[in-house]
Every structure is written in structure tokens, then in C-alpha cells.
N, C-alpha and C. Protein backbone atom coordinates (compact mmCIF):
# COMPACT_ATOMS: atom_id res chain seq x y z
N MET A 1 149.79 -131.16 25.97
CA MET A 1 149.75 -129.99 27.13
C MET A 1 150.22 -130.21 28.22
N GLU A 2 149.83 -131.42 28.93
CA GLU A 2 150.05 -131.44 30.22
C GLU A 2 150.90 -131.99 30.75
N ILE A 3 150.94 -133.28 29.21
CA ILE A 3 152.60 -134.22 29.39
C ILE A 3 154.20 -132.40 29.31
N PHE A 4 153.99 -131.93 29.06
CA PHE A 4 154.56 -130.48 28.27
C PHE A 4 154.61 -129.99 29.64
N ALA A 5 153.95 -129.44 30.62
CA ALA A 5 153.23 -128.86 31.70
C ALA A 5 154.51 -129.63 32.50
N LYS A 6 153.68 -130.49 32.88
CA LYS A 6 155.00 -131.90 33.65
C LYS A 6 156.42 -132.35 33.79
N THR A 7 156.40 -132.18 32.32
CA THR A 7 158.23 -131.78 31.84
C THR A 7 159.13 -130.93 32.74
N TYR A 8 158.01 -129.67 31.91
CA TYR A 8 158.54 -127.71 32.81
C TYR A 8 158.80 -128.13 34.39
N TYR A 9 157.44 -128.41 34.43
CA TYR A 9 157.94 -128.65 36.16
C TYR A 9 159.20 -129.65 36.41
N THR A 10 159.84 -130.03 36.47
CA THR A 10 160.26 -131.32 36.97
C THR A 10 161.56 -131.32 36.54
N ALA A 11 161.51 -130.34 35.32
CA ALA A 11 163.09 -129.34 34.97
C ALA A 11 162.58 -128.21 35.67
N THR A 12 162.36 -127.81 36.33
CA THR A 12 162.13 -126.23 37.60
C THR A 12 162.23 -126.91 38.91
N MET A 13 162.87 -128.51 39.08
CA MET A 13 162.27 -128.58 40.85
C MET A 13 163.72 -128.20 41.25
N THR A 14 163.75 -128.65 42.38
CA THR A 14 165.10 -128.14 42.71
C THR A 14 165.51 -129.32 43.13
N LYS A 15 166.38 -129.39 43.48
CA LYS A 15 167.45 -131.06 43.63
C LYS A 15 166.26 -131.40 44.97
N LEU A 16 166.27 -130.81 45.63
CA LEU A 16 165.99 -131.51 47.34
C LEU A 16 163.54 -131.97 46.41
N GLU A 17 163.20 -130.68 46.19
CA GLU A 17 162.08 -131.09 45.73
C GLU A 17 161.81 -132.35 44.89
N LYS A 18 163.14 -132.04 44.16
CA LYS A 18 162.71 -134.43 43.20
C LYS A 18 162.89 -135.39 43.89
N ILE A 19 164.41 -134.85 45.18
CA ILE A 19 163.89 -136.17 46.47
C ILE A 19 163.18 -136.39 46.86
N GLU A 20 162.36 -135.25 47.82
CA GLU A 20 161.33 -135.89 48.31
C GLU A 20 159.99 -136.47 47.44
N GLN A 21 159.98 -135.94 46.22
CA GLN A 21 158.83 -136.33 45.11
C GLN A 21 159.38 -138.08 45.32
N ASP A 22 160.24 -138.56 45.34
CA ASP A 22 160.92 -139.37 44.69
C ASP A 22 160.40 -140.40 46.52
N ILE A 23 161.49 -139.76 47.19
CA ILE A 23 160.89 -140.31 48.86
C ILE A 23 159.60 -140.79 49.01
N ALA A 24 158.71 -139.80 48.62
CA ALA A 24 157.99 -140.30 48.91
C ALA A 24 156.60 -141.59 48.22
N THR A 25 157.16 -141.64 46.51
CA THR A 25 157.02 -142.64 46.26
C THR A 25 157.53 -144.34 47.44
N LEU A 26 158.40 -143.92 47.67
CA LEU A 26 159.29 -145.35 48.83
C LEU A 26 158.08 -146.09 49.50
N ALA A 27 157.96 -147.75 49.66
CA ALA A 27 157.84 -148.36 50.05
C ALA A 27 157.57 -148.05 52.35
N PRO A 28 156.92 -147.97 52.65
CA PRO A 28 157.03 -148.06 54.27
C PRO A 28 158.37 -148.76 54.55
N ALA A 29 158.80 -149.82 54.38
CA ALA A 29 159.69 -150.59 54.78
C ALA A 29 161.42 -149.22 54.28
N ASP A 30 161.19 -149.07 53.13
CA ASP A 30 163.01 -148.66 52.20
C ASP A 30 162.60 -147.37 53.05
N VAL A 31 161.17 -146.31 52.85
CA VAL A 31 161.84 -145.52 54.12
C VAL A 31 161.29 -145.66 55.40
N ARG A 32 162.12 -146.51 55.96
CA ARG A 32 162.93 -146.84 57.28
C ARG A 32 164.87 -146.58 57.45
N LYS A 33 164.78 -147.21 56.28
CA LYS A 33 166.11 -147.67 55.91
C LYS A 33 166.25 -146.53 55.09
N LEU A 34 165.62 -145.68 54.89
CA LEU A 34 166.40 -144.23 54.69
C LEU A 34 166.67 -143.59 56.11
N ALA A 35 165.68 -143.23 57.06
CA ALA A 35 165.67 -143.08 57.62
C ALA A 35 167.37 -143.36 59.03
N ASP A 36 167.42 -144.82 58.32
CA ASP A 36 168.33 -145.02 59.46
C ASP A 36 169.62 -143.99 58.87
N TRP A 37 169.85 -144.33 57.34
CA TRP A 37 171.15 -144.01 56.75
C TRP A 37 171.10 -142.39 56.92
N LEU A 38 170.29 -142.17 56.65
CA LEU A 38 169.94 -140.51 56.84
C LEU A 38 170.85 -139.83 58.74
N GLU A 39 169.72 -141.24 59.47
CA GLU A 39 170.95 -140.69 60.20
C GLU A 39 171.90 -140.76 60.46
N GLU A 40 172.52 -142.02 60.32
CA GLU A 40 173.73 -142.29 61.02
C GLU A 40 174.36 -140.89 59.26
N TYR A 41 174.25 -140.87 58.07
CA TYR A 41 175.25 -140.03 57.63
C TYR A 41 175.01 -138.23 58.69
N LYS A 42 173.90 -138.10 59.22
CA LYS A 42 173.71 -137.14 60.15
C LYS A 42 175.28 -136.81 61.02
N SER A 43 174.53 -138.20 61.90
CA SER A 43 175.74 -138.56 63.21
C SER A 43 177.06 -138.27 62.06
N ASP A 44 177.78 -138.99 61.04
CA ASP A 44 178.66 -138.83 60.82
C ASP A 44 178.98 -137.44 60.76
N LEU A 45 178.28 -136.08 59.85
CA LEU A 45 178.70 -135.47 59.48
C LEU A 45 178.84 -133.75 61.01
N TRP A 46 177.97 -134.46 62.28
CA TRP A 46 178.27 -133.60 62.58
C TRP A 46 179.63 -134.33 63.59
N ASP A 47 180.36 -135.16 64.13
CA ASP A 47 182.08 -135.80 63.89
C ASP A 47 182.58 -135.18 63.74
N ARG A 48 183.31 -134.88 62.15
CA ARG A 48 183.69 -134.29 61.41
C ARG A 48 183.68 -132.92 61.90
N GLN A 49 182.31 -132.36 62.04
CA GLN A 49 182.38 -130.75 62.23
C GLN A 49 183.06 -130.52 64.00
N MET A 50 182.78 -131.81 64.49
CA MET A 50 183.38 -131.17 66.08
C MET A 50 184.65 -131.49 65.41
N GLU A 51 185.49 -132.21 65.09
CA GLU A 51 186.65 -132.65 64.23
C GLU A 51 187.46 -131.45 64.22
N ASP A 52 186.87 -130.83 63.52
CA ASP A 52 187.36 -129.78 62.46
C ASP A 52 187.54 -128.52 63.19
N ASP A 53 186.32 -128.41 64.75
CA ASP A 53 186.28 -126.52 65.49
C ASP A 53 187.29 -127.16 66.32
N ALA A 54 187.18 -128.71 66.41
CA ALA A 54 189.07 -128.69 67.85
C ALA A 54 189.99 -128.38 67.09
N LYS A 55 190.33 -128.92 65.66
CA LYS A 55 191.67 -128.86 65.22
C LYS A 55 191.90 -126.94 65.15
N SER A 56 190.51 -126.70 64.05
CA SER A 56 191.15 -124.88 64.55
C SER A 56 191.10 -123.86 65.30
N GLY A 57 190.09 -125.07 67.06
CA GLY A 57 190.60 -124.15 68.17
C GLY A 57 189.31 -123.53 68.19
N ARG A 58 188.92 -123.81 67.69
CA ARG A 58 186.84 -122.76 67.87
C ARG A 58 186.06 -123.70 69.23
N LEU A 59 186.99 -124.77 70.07
CA LEU A 59 186.62 -125.21 70.34
C LEU A 59 186.78 -124.57 72.21
N ASP A 60 188.48 -124.46 72.37
CA ASP A 60 189.64 -124.38 73.52
C ASP A 60 188.71 -122.94 74.33
N LYS A 61 187.66 -122.28 74.24
CA LYS A 61 186.89 -120.65 74.93
C LYS A 61 186.46 -122.00 75.64
N PHE A 62 185.58 -122.75 75.65
CA PHE A 62 185.19 -123.78 76.67
C PHE A 62 185.88 -124.61 76.91
N ALA A 63 186.17 -125.30 76.58
CA ALA A 63 187.37 -126.40 77.43
C ALA A 63 188.39 -125.31 78.54
N ALA A 64 188.45 -124.08 78.64
CA ALA A 64 189.05 -122.96 78.68
C ALA A 64 187.93 -122.96 80.64
N ARG A 65 186.80 -122.88 80.04
CA ARG A 65 185.42 -122.15 80.55
C ARG A 65 185.54 -123.73 81.57
N ALA A 66 185.37 -124.79 81.47
CA ALA A 66 184.89 -125.97 82.10
C ALA A 66 185.93 -126.43 82.94
N LEU A 67 187.64 -126.11 82.82
CA LEU A 67 188.65 -126.92 83.45
C LEU A 67 188.94 -126.14 84.64
N THR A 68 187.87 -124.31 84.48
CA THR A 68 188.13 -123.22 85.54
C THR A 68 187.66 -124.08 86.44
N ALA A 69 186.41 -124.20 86.01
CA ALA A 69 184.78 -125.21 87.12
C ALA A 69 184.96 -125.34 87.88
N HIS A 70 186.07 -126.85 87.55
CA HIS A 70 186.03 -127.97 87.07
C HIS A 70 186.72 -126.91 88.52
N LYS A 71 188.31 -126.54 88.20
CA LYS A 71 189.48 -126.30 89.34
C LYS A 71 189.17 -125.80 90.63
N ALA A 72 187.63 -124.69 90.51
CA ALA A 72 186.98 -123.78 91.65
C ALA A 72 185.47 -125.20 91.98
N GLY A 73 186.03 -126.04 92.01
CA GLY A 73 185.00 -127.23 92.74
C GLY A 73 182.84 -126.93 92.29
N LYS A 74 183.04 -126.41 91.29
CA LYS A 74 182.12 -126.23 90.38
C LYS A 74 181.53 -128.20 89.55
N SER A 75 182.03 -128.89 89.79
CA SER A 75 181.96 -129.90 88.71
C SER A 75 181.72 -131.07 89.65
N THR A 76 181.32 -132.37 88.94
CA THR A 76 180.55 -133.45 90.48
C THR A 76 181.78 -134.44 89.33
N PRO A 77 181.42 -135.36 90.00
CA PRO A 77 181.90 -136.78 89.50
C PRO A 77 181.17 -137.56 88.46
N LEU A 78 181.50 -138.14 86.88
CA LEU A 78 179.99 -138.36 86.51
C LEU A 78 180.15 -140.34 87.17
């Protein structure tokens, strides 16, 4: 009966729960490698989102506001 219960639970797990369960079995060195990979992946997702936002014009209002502030002398050199 225990085998059936374990199989049933595994079949009802979400994809994320399965990934979490698998990560919990990794060696510490592999967890660090995974964390590094995930950080790089998140960075790539952010870059793609920023590119999409820029192409779509969603950032235009922020750029206009920054340029207006700069022209009004409200910015400082880097």
C-alpha cells in the first residue's frame, strides 16, 4: 500500500514541487552550480523583458521624465 501512496503523491505533484524535491537531493556543490545557473537565467529573462518593454514603448514615459528633469538641471554627472 505504501508504494501506491508514494506513486499517487508523485503523480499529483506539481512540476515545481518535483523540481524542489529533486534539488533537495543534490550535493552542496551541485546546488551552488544550480544557483549560479539560475541567477544567469534570471538575468537573461530580465534583459529580454527590458528589451521587449523598450521596443513596445512602455519605457518611453520614464525616458521623457528623465530628460525633462535633466534639462531642468535636476540631474548630476556620473
